[in-house]
Amino acid sequence: MTFTIRSVQPLAVIARFLPAAVGLAACGVMAAGTSALAQGSLFTTVPVDESKFILVSAPIGSGERSQLNIYEQRSDKRPCFAVAEGSPAVVDPLLSSFDFTGICNRYIDGNGYSLRIGGDDLGTRYRLTVSNTGKDMELRAAPTRDRSQPVLLVATTGGPGSGFLKFNLEPGWRLVRRAYGKKALGHIYVYRDAQALQQPAESDASTVQSTDDSTDDTAASDE
């Protein structure tokens, strides 16, 4: 018995399967786009009791540079910090003298806090830095990728000084907590509802101090 096998032209096979391949590729692109959108809206925010928090200009090493620290009073068992009268107001970080587990939280770098404006999580595009202008200590949000974007003035201490100083948020800024779904997370946003038009902070590369350069060996967020 003799069997005859007809040869199939390669172009015919390609023509038959090309539409399906294109469809699969399009589905892949759409899925990737959906994934990117989902990642962009991964985190939401929940309010906090701001009376339990304090923003501090904290010296690094010998004190020539400073970084942002945020302290949170979680329970009334004992105070986590004390604030003196005056402007600037000197802060005594009491939590550094005892085991504050379950009593206080401390956020000392970009792992514990970041910038958010409205629905935009700007932690990878802006960093919070402390600048000594000679007349004040300023907390600024500085762009890390697109340097044409403005530097935003977030808070000031109300005068020059050394050591641990209290920051006072500029109008429109507040603290909120990062959330994933209905779960509140251990990350704090320095937040405003929308980026209102404001006078950018004066740029002075010699005085801007990045929290990323911190040599503090403590955890970024102690809970």
C-alpha atoms as a PDB file:
ATOM      1  CA  MET A   1       0.000   0.000   0.000  1.00  0.00           C
ATOM      2  CA  THR A   2       1.380   3.351  -0.979  1.00  0.00           C
ATOM      3  CA  PHE A   3       0.686   6.572   0.960  1.00  0.00           C
ATOM      4  CA  THR A   4       1.067   9.959  -0.600  1.00  0.00           C
ATOM      5  CA  ILE A   5       1.880  12.845   1.726  1.00  0.00           C
ATOM      6  CA  ARG A   6       1.165  16.258   0.319  1.00  0.00           C
ATOM      7  CA  SER A   7       3.734  18.899   1.128  1.00  0.00           C
ATOM      8  CA  VAL A   8       2.387  22.033   2.797  1.00  0.00           C
ATOM      9  CA  GLN A   9       3.834  25.315   1.645  1.00  0.00           C
ATOM     10  CA  PRO A  10       5.530  27.244   4.539  1.00  0.00           C
ATOM     11  CA  LEU A  11       3.804  30.454   3.501  1.00  0.00           C
ATOM     12  CA  ALA A  12       0.414  28.805   3.807  1.00  0.00           C
ATOM     13  CA  VAL A  13       1.222  27.698   7.373  1.00  0.00           C
ATOM     14  CA  ILE A  14       2.399  31.180   8.293  1.00  0.00           C
ATOM     15  CA  ALA A  15      -0.695  32.752   6.810  1.00  0.00           C
ATOM     16  CA  ARG A  16      -2.902  30.348   8.763  1.00  0.00           C
ATOM     17  CA  PHE A  17      -1.314  31.003  12.168  1.00  0.00           C
ATOM     18  CA  LEU A  18      -0.252  34.650  11.828  1.00  0.00           C
ATOM     19  CA  PRO A  19      -3.601  36.162  12.983  1.00  0.00           C
ATOM     20  CA  ALA A  20      -3.578  34.010  16.123  1.00  0.00           C
ATOM     21  CA  ALA A  21       0.023  34.994  16.901  1.00  0.00           C
ATOM     22  CA  VAL A  22      -0.777  38.661  16.481  1.00  0.00           C
ATOM     23  CA  GLY A  23      -3.788  38.276  18.754  1.00  0.00           C
ATOM     24  CA  LEU A  24      -1.703  36.616  21.469  1.00  0.00           C
ATOM     25  CA  ALA A  25       0.932  39.358  21.220  1.00  0.00           C
ATOM     26  CA  ALA A  26      -1.730  42.042  21.548  1.00  0.00           C
ATOM     27  CA  CYS A  27      -3.157  40.309  24.609  1.00  0.00           C
ATOM     28  CA  GLY A  28       0.330  40.251  26.101  1.00  0.00           C
ATOM     29  CA  VAL A  29       0.791  43.974  25.561  1.00  0.00           C
ATOM     30  CA  MET A  30      -2.628  44.718  27.070  1.00  0.00           C
ATOM     31  CA  ALA A  31      -1.850  42.540  30.086  1.00  0.00           C
ATOM     32  CA  ALA A  32       1.464  44.320  30.596  1.00  0.00           C
ATOM     33  CA  GLY A  33      -0.278  47.688  30.429  1.00  0.00           C
ATOM     34  CA  THR A  34      -2.880  46.579  32.933  1.00  0.00           C
ATOM     35  CA  SER A  35      -0.149  45.327  35.239  1.00  0.00           C
ATOM     36  CA  ALA A  36       1.637  48.686  35.055  1.00  0.00           C
ATOM     37  CA  LEU A  37      -1.571  50.535  35.914  1.00  0.00           C
ATOM     38  CA  ALA A  38      -2.225  48.209  38.814  1.00  0.00           C
ATOM     39  CA  GLN A  39       1.279  48.763  40.144  1.00  0.00           C
ATOM     40  CA  GLY A  40       0.831  52.533  39.931  1.00  0.00           C
ATOM     41  CA  SER A  41      -2.272  52.360  42.120  1.00  0.00           C
ATOM     42  CA  LEU A  42      -0.979  49.643  44.446  1.00  0.00           C
ATOM     43  CA  PHE A  43      -0.971  51.779  47.617  1.00  0.00           C
ATOM     44  CA  THR A  44      -3.601  54.077  49.066  1.00  0.00           C
ATOM     45  CA  THR A  45      -3.580  56.268  52.185  1.00  0.00           C
ATOM     46  CA  VAL A  46      -5.298  56.335  55.559  1.00  0.00           C
ATOM     47  CA  PRO A  47      -5.340  59.279  58.000  1.00  0.00           C
ATOM     48  CA  VAL A  48      -3.277  59.383  61.184  1.00  0.00           C
ATOM     49  CA  ASP A  49      -3.602  61.275  64.457  1.00  0.00           C
ATOM     50  CA  GLU A  50      -0.988  63.920  63.701  1.00  0.00           C
ATOM     51  CA  SER A  51      -0.847  64.961  67.354  1.00  0.00           C
ATOM     52  CA  LYS A  52       1.025  61.679  67.942  1.00  0.00           C
ATOM     53  CA  PHE A  53       3.748  62.538  65.407  1.00  0.00           C
ATOM     54  CA  ILE A  54       6.644  64.953  65.219  1.00  0.00           C
ATOM     55  CA  LEU A  55       8.967  65.768  62.306  1.00  0.00           C
ATOM     56  CA  VAL A  56      12.540  66.431  63.396  1.00  0.00           C
ATOM     57  CA  SER A  57      15.694  67.801  61.826  1.00  0.00           C
ATOM     58  CA  ALA A  58      18.137  65.253  63.244  1.00  0.00           C
ATOM     59  CA  PRO A  59      21.927  65.740  63.086  1.00  0.00           C
ATOM     60  CA  ILE A  60      24.082  63.113  61.376  1.00  0.00           C
ATOM     61  CA  GLY A  61      27.423  62.206  62.927  1.00  0.00           C
ATOM     62  CA  SER A  62      29.228  65.340  64.081  1.00  0.00           C
ATOM     63  CA  GLY A  63      26.200  67.461  63.216  1.00  0.00           C
ATOM     64  CA  GLU A  64      27.447  69.129  60.052  1.00  0.00           C
ATOM     65  CA  ARG A  65      24.568  67.559  58.149  1.00  0.00           C
ATOM     66  CA  SER A  66      21.022  66.647  59.126  1.00  0.00           C
ATOM     67  CA  GLN A  67      18.264  64.332  58.020  1.00  0.00           C
ATOM     68  CA  LEU A  68      14.537  63.997  58.547  1.00  0.00           C
ATOM     69  CA  ASN A  69      13.364  61.817  61.448  1.00  0.00           C
ATOM     70  CA  ILE A  70       9.697  61.182  62.203  1.00  0.00           C
ATOM     71  CA  TYR A  71       8.733  59.985  65.701  1.00  0.00           C
ATOM     72  CA  GLU A  72       5.358  58.511  66.588  1.00  0.00           C
ATOM     73  CA  GLN A  73       3.874  58.143  70.074  1.00  0.00           C
ATOM     74  CA  ARG A  74       2.033  54.801  69.950  1.00  0.00           C
ATOM     75  CA  SER A  75       1.037  54.466  73.600  1.00  0.00           C
ATOM     76  CA  ASP A  76       0.946  56.600  76.745  1.00  0.00           C
ATOM     77  CA  LYS A  77       3.206  54.251  78.708  1.00  0.00           C
ATOM     78  CA  ARG A  78       6.010  56.813  78.598  1.00  0.00           C
ATOM     79  CA  PRO A  79       6.845  59.805  76.374  1.00  0.00           C
ATOM     80  CA  CYS A  80       8.809  59.223  73.188  1.00  0.00           C
ATOM     81  CA  PHE A  81      10.025  62.824  72.822  1.00  0.00           C
ATOM     82  CA  ALA A  82       9.928  66.197  74.549  1.00  0.00           C
ATOM     83  CA  VAL A  83       9.719  69.586  72.850  1.00  0.00           C
ATOM     84  CA  ALA A  84      11.108  72.778  74.394  1.00  0.00           C
ATOM     85  CA  GLU A  85       9.607  76.237  74.002  1.00  0.00           C
ATOM     86  CA  GLY A  86      11.061  78.616  71.458  1.00  0.00           C
ATOM     87  CA  SER A  87      11.686  78.983  67.767  1.00  0.00           C
ATOM     88  CA  PRO A  88      13.332  76.856  66.662  1.00  0.00           C
ATOM     89  CA  ALA A  89      11.975  74.326  69.179  1.00  0.00           C
ATOM     90  CA  VAL A  90      14.596  71.880  70.454  1.00  0.00           C
ATOM     91  CA  VAL A  91      13.493  68.233  70.574  1.00  0.00           C
ATOM     92  CA  ASP A  92      14.725  65.686  73.094  1.00  0.00           C
ATOM     93  CA  PRO A  93      14.442  62.239  71.420  1.00  0.00           C
ATOM     94  CA  LEU A  94      13.634  60.359  74.629  1.00  0.00           C
ATOM     95  CA  LEU A  95      12.964  57.126  72.726  1.00  0.00           C
ATOM     96  CA  SER A  96      16.701  56.735  72.116  1.00  0.00           C
ATOM     97  CA  SER A  97      17.232  56.092  75.832  1.00  0.00           C
ATOM     98  CA  PHE A  98      14.963  53.065  76.314  1.00  0.00           C
ATOM     99  CA  ASP A  99      13.461  50.037  74.570  1.00  0.00           C
ATOM    100  CA  PHE A 100      10.509  51.689  72.856  1.00  0.00           C
ATOM    101  CA  THR A 101       9.009  48.520  71.346  1.00  0.00           C
ATOM    102  CA  GLY A 102       5.235  48.925  71.309  1.00  0.00           C
ATOM    103  CA  ILE A 103       5.520  52.465  72.692  1.00  0.00           C
ATOM    104  CA  CYS A 104       7.063  54.511  69.874  1.00  0.00           C
ATOM    105  CA  ASN A 105       7.781  54.310  66.171  1.00  0.00           C
ATOM    106  CA  ARG A 106      10.783  55.921  64.552  1.00  0.00           C
ATOM    107  CA  TYR A 107      11.112  56.571  60.811  1.00  0.00           C
ATOM    108  CA  ILE A 108      14.578  57.702  59.768  1.00  0.00           C
ATOM    109  CA  ASP A 109      14.957  57.353  55.996  1.00  0.00           C
ATOM    110  CA  GLY A 110      13.223  56.622  52.693  1.00  0.00           C
ATOM    111  CA  ASN A 111      12.276  53.131  53.791  1.00  0.00           C
ATOM    112  CA  GLY A 112      10.086  54.585  56.518  1.00  0.00           C
ATOM    113  CA  TYR A 113       8.699  57.700  54.802  1.00  0.00           C
ATOM    114  CA  SER A 114       8.308  59.211  51.348  1.00  0.00           C
ATOM    115  CA  LEU A 115       6.561  61.961  49.401  1.00  0.00           C
ATOM    116  CA  ARG A 116       3.038  61.654  48.006  1.00  0.00           C
ATOM    117  CA  ILE A 117       0.956  64.273  46.218  1.00  0.00           C
ATOM    118  CA  GLY A 118      -2.640  63.301  45.651  1.00  0.00           C
ATOM    119  CA  GLY A 119      -2.694  59.869  44.017  1.00  0.00           C
ATOM    120  CA  ASP A 120       0.975  60.024  42.966  1.00  0.00           C
ATOM    121  CA  ASP A 121       3.447  58.066  45.068  1.00  0.00           C
ATOM    122  CA  LEU A 122       6.635  60.067  44.416  1.00  0.00           C
ATOM    123  CA  GLY A 123       9.075  58.067  46.526  1.00  0.00           C
ATOM    124  CA  THR A 124      11.232  57.129  43.526  1.00  0.00           C
ATOM    125  CA  ARG A 125      11.041  60.567  41.872  1.00  0.00           C
ATOM    126  CA  TYR A 126      11.515  62.870  44.862  1.00  0.00           C
ATOM    127  CA  ARG A 127      13.560  62.631  48.046  1.00  0.00           C
ATOM    128  CA  LEU A 128      13.089  64.515  51.273  1.00  0.00           C
ATOM    129  CA  THR A 129      16.210  66.454  52.205  1.00  0.00           C
ATOM    130  CA  VAL A 130      17.232  68.831  54.977  1.00  0.00           C
ATOM    131  CA  SER A 131      18.925  72.084  54.018  1.00  0.00           C
ATOM    132  CA  ASN A 132      20.665  74.578  56.308  1.00  0.00           C
ATOM    133  CA  THR A 133      20.161  78.004  54.753  1.00  0.00           C
ATOM    134  CA  GLY A 134      21.962  79.803  57.570  1.00  0.00           C
ATOM    135  CA  LYS A 135      18.671  81.450  58.567  1.00  0.00           C
ATOM    136  CA  ASP A 136      16.569  78.310  58.897  1.00  0.00           C
ATOM    137  CA  MET A 137      16.549  74.542  58.586  1.00  0.00           C
ATOM    138  CA  GLU A 138      14.326  73.611  55.666  1.00  0.00           C
ATOM    139  CA  LEU A 139      12.755  70.303  54.735  1.00  0.00           C
ATOM    140  CA  ARG A 140      12.645  70.125  50.958  1.00  0.00           C
ATOM    141  CA  ALA A 141      11.339  67.653  48.393  1.00  0.00           C
ATOM    142  CA  ALA A 142      13.973  67.487  45.651  1.00  0.00           C
ATOM    143  CA  PRO A 143      13.535  65.717  42.283  1.00  0.00           C
ATOM    144  CA  THR A 144      15.853  62.747  41.718  1.00  0.00           C
ATOM    145  CA  ARG A 145      15.203  62.012  38.022  1.00  0.00           C
ATOM    146  CA  ASP A 146      13.920  65.057  36.192  1.00  0.00           C
ATOM    147  CA  ARG A 147      15.964  67.932  37.605  1.00  0.00           C
ATOM    148  CA  SER A 148      13.794  70.417  35.702  1.00  0.00           C
ATOM    149  CA  GLN A 149      11.006  69.733  38.199  1.00  0.00           C
ATOM    150  CA  PRO A 150      10.693  72.204  41.088  1.00  0.00           C
ATOM    151  CA  VAL A 151      12.174  71.770  44.550  1.00  0.00           C
ATOM    152  CA  LEU A 152       9.267  71.985  47.014  1.00  0.00           C
ATOM    153  CA  LEU A 153       9.454  73.601  50.425  1.00  0.00           C
ATOM    154  CA  VAL A 154       7.723  71.197  52.844  1.00  0.00           C
ATOM    155  CA  ALA A 155       8.611  72.412  56.361  1.00  0.00           C
ATOM    156  CA  THR A 156      10.871  74.752  58.350  1.00  0.00           C
ATOM    157  CA  THR A 157      12.159  74.939  61.908  1.00  0.00           C
ATOM    158  CA  GLY A 158      11.430  78.660  62.304  1.00  0.00           C
ATOM    159  CA  GLY A 159      15.031  79.727  62.756  1.00  0.00           C
ATOM    160  CA  PRO A 160      18.643  78.487  62.734  1.00  0.00           C
ATOM    161  CA  GLY A 161      19.958  76.059  65.302  1.00  0.00           C
ATOM    162  CA  SER A 162      21.809  72.838  65.955  1.00  0.00           C
ATOM    163  CA  GLY A 163      20.875  69.475  67.385  1.00  0.00           C
ATOM    164  CA  PHE A 164      17.376  67.997  67.129  1.00  0.00           C
ATOM    165  CA  LEU A 165      14.872  70.644  65.961  1.00  0.00           C
ATOM    166  CA  LYS A 166      11.147  70.453  65.360  1.00  0.00           C
ATOM    167  CA  PHE A 167       9.903  70.924  61.803  1.00  0.00           C
ATOM    168  CA  ASN A 168       6.663  72.841  61.211  1.00  0.00           C
ATOM    169  CA  LEU A 169       4.847  71.780  58.054  1.00  0.00           C
ATOM    170  CA  GLU A 170       4.059  74.433  55.470  1.00  0.00           C
ATOM    171  CA  PRO A 171       0.338  75.023  54.711  1.00  0.00           C
ATOM    172  CA  GLY A 172      -1.226  72.178  52.729  1.00  0.00           C
ATOM    173  CA  TRP A 173       1.169  69.469  53.937  1.00  0.00           C
ATOM    174  CA  ARG A 174       0.251  66.716  56.394  1.00  0.00           C
ATOM    175  CA  LEU A 175       1.104  63.153  57.370  1.00  0.00           C
ATOM    176  CA  VAL A 176      -0.850  60.067  56.284  1.00  0.00           C
ATOM    177  CA  ARG A 177      -0.107  56.365  56.436  1.00  0.00           C
ATOM    178  CA  ARG A 178       0.449  54.063  53.467  1.00  0.00           C
ATOM    179  CA  ALA A 179      -2.186  51.344  53.067  1.00  0.00           C
ATOM    180  CA  TYR A 180      -2.552  48.238  50.921  1.00  0.00           C
ATOM    181  CA  GLY A 181      -6.216  47.470  50.486  1.00  0.00           C
ATOM    182  CA  LYS A 182      -7.697  47.740  53.969  1.00  0.00           C
ATOM    183  CA  LYS A 183      -4.373  47.101  55.730  1.00  0.00           C
ATOM    184  CA  ALA A 184      -2.453  50.075  57.153  1.00  0.00           C
ATOM    185  CA  LEU A 185       1.319  49.700  56.684  1.00  0.00           C
ATOM    186  CA  GLY A 186       4.350  50.912  58.608  1.00  0.00           C
ATOM    187  CA  HIS A 187       5.242  53.644  56.117  1.00  0.00           C
ATOM    188  CA  ILE A 188       4.416  57.340  56.440  1.00  0.00           C
ATOM    189  CA  TYR A 189       3.693  59.712  53.577  1.00  0.00           C
ATOM    190  CA  VAL A 190       4.518  63.411  53.740  1.00  0.00           C
ATOM    191  CA  TYR A 191       1.433  64.350  51.779  1.00  0.00           C
ATOM    192  CA  ARG A 192      -0.614  67.065  50.156  1.00  0.00           C
ATOM    193  CA  ASP A 193      -3.863  66.781  48.224  1.00  0.00           C
ATOM    194  CA  ALA A 194      -2.526  68.471  45.100  1.00  0.00           C
ATOM    195  CA  GLN A 195       0.610  70.274  44.078  1.00  0.00           C
ATOM    196  CA  ALA A 196      -0.486  73.868  44.512  1.00  0.00           C
ATOM    197  CA  LEU A 197       1.447  76.622  42.814  1.00  0.00           C
ATOM    198  CA  GLN A 198       4.096  77.805  45.204  1.00  0.00           C
ATOM    199  CA  GLN A 199       7.457  79.494  45.154  1.00  0.00           C
ATOM    200  CA  PRO A 200      10.123  76.791  44.725  1.00  0.00           C
ATOM    201  CA  ALA A 201      12.739  76.643  47.451  1.00  0.00           C
ATOM    202  CA  GLU A 202      15.993  78.397  46.585  1.00  0.00           C
ATOM    203  CA  SER A 203      18.441  75.845  45.235  1.00  0.00           C
ATOM    204  CA  ASP A 204      21.803  75.686  46.963  1.00  0.00           C
ATOM    205  CA  ALA A 205      23.707  72.516  46.163  1.00  0.00           C
ATOM    206  CA  SER A 206      26.217  73.184  48.930  1.00  0.00           C
ATOM    207  CA  THR A 207      23.609  73.043  51.674  1.00  0.00           C
ATOM    208  CA  VAL A 208      21.108  70.434  50.461  1.00  0.00           C
ATOM    209  CA  GLN A 209      21.536  67.313  52.543  1.00  0.00           C
ATOM    210  CA  SER A 210      20.021  64.035  51.393  1.00  0.00           C
ATOM    211  CA  THR A 211      18.451  61.517  53.727  1.00  0.00           C
ATOM    212  CA  ASP A 212      19.927  58.863  51.437  1.00  0.00           C
ATOM    213  CA  ASP A 213      23.416  59.795  52.679  1.00  0.00           C
ATOM    214  CA  SER A 214      22.553  58.950  56.275  1.00  0.00           C
ATOM    215  CA  THR A 215      25.095  56.912  58.176  1.00  0.00           C
ATOM    216  CA  ASP A 216      22.635  56.162  60.962  1.00  0.00           C
ATOM    217  CA  ASP A 217      22.850  52.452  61.734  1.00  0.00           C
ATOM    218  CA  THR A 218      19.355  52.218  63.227  1.00  0.00           C
ATOM    219  CA  ALA A 219      16.392  50.720  61.418  1.00  0.00           C
ATOM    220  CA  ALA A 220      14.457  52.792  58.930  1.00  0.00           C
ATOM    221  CA  SER A 221      11.171  52.147  60.681  1.00  0.00           C
ATOM    222  CA  ASP A 222      11.098  50.790  64.218  1.00  0.00           C
ATOM    223  CA  GLU A 223       7.773  49.315  65.206  1.00  0.00           C
END
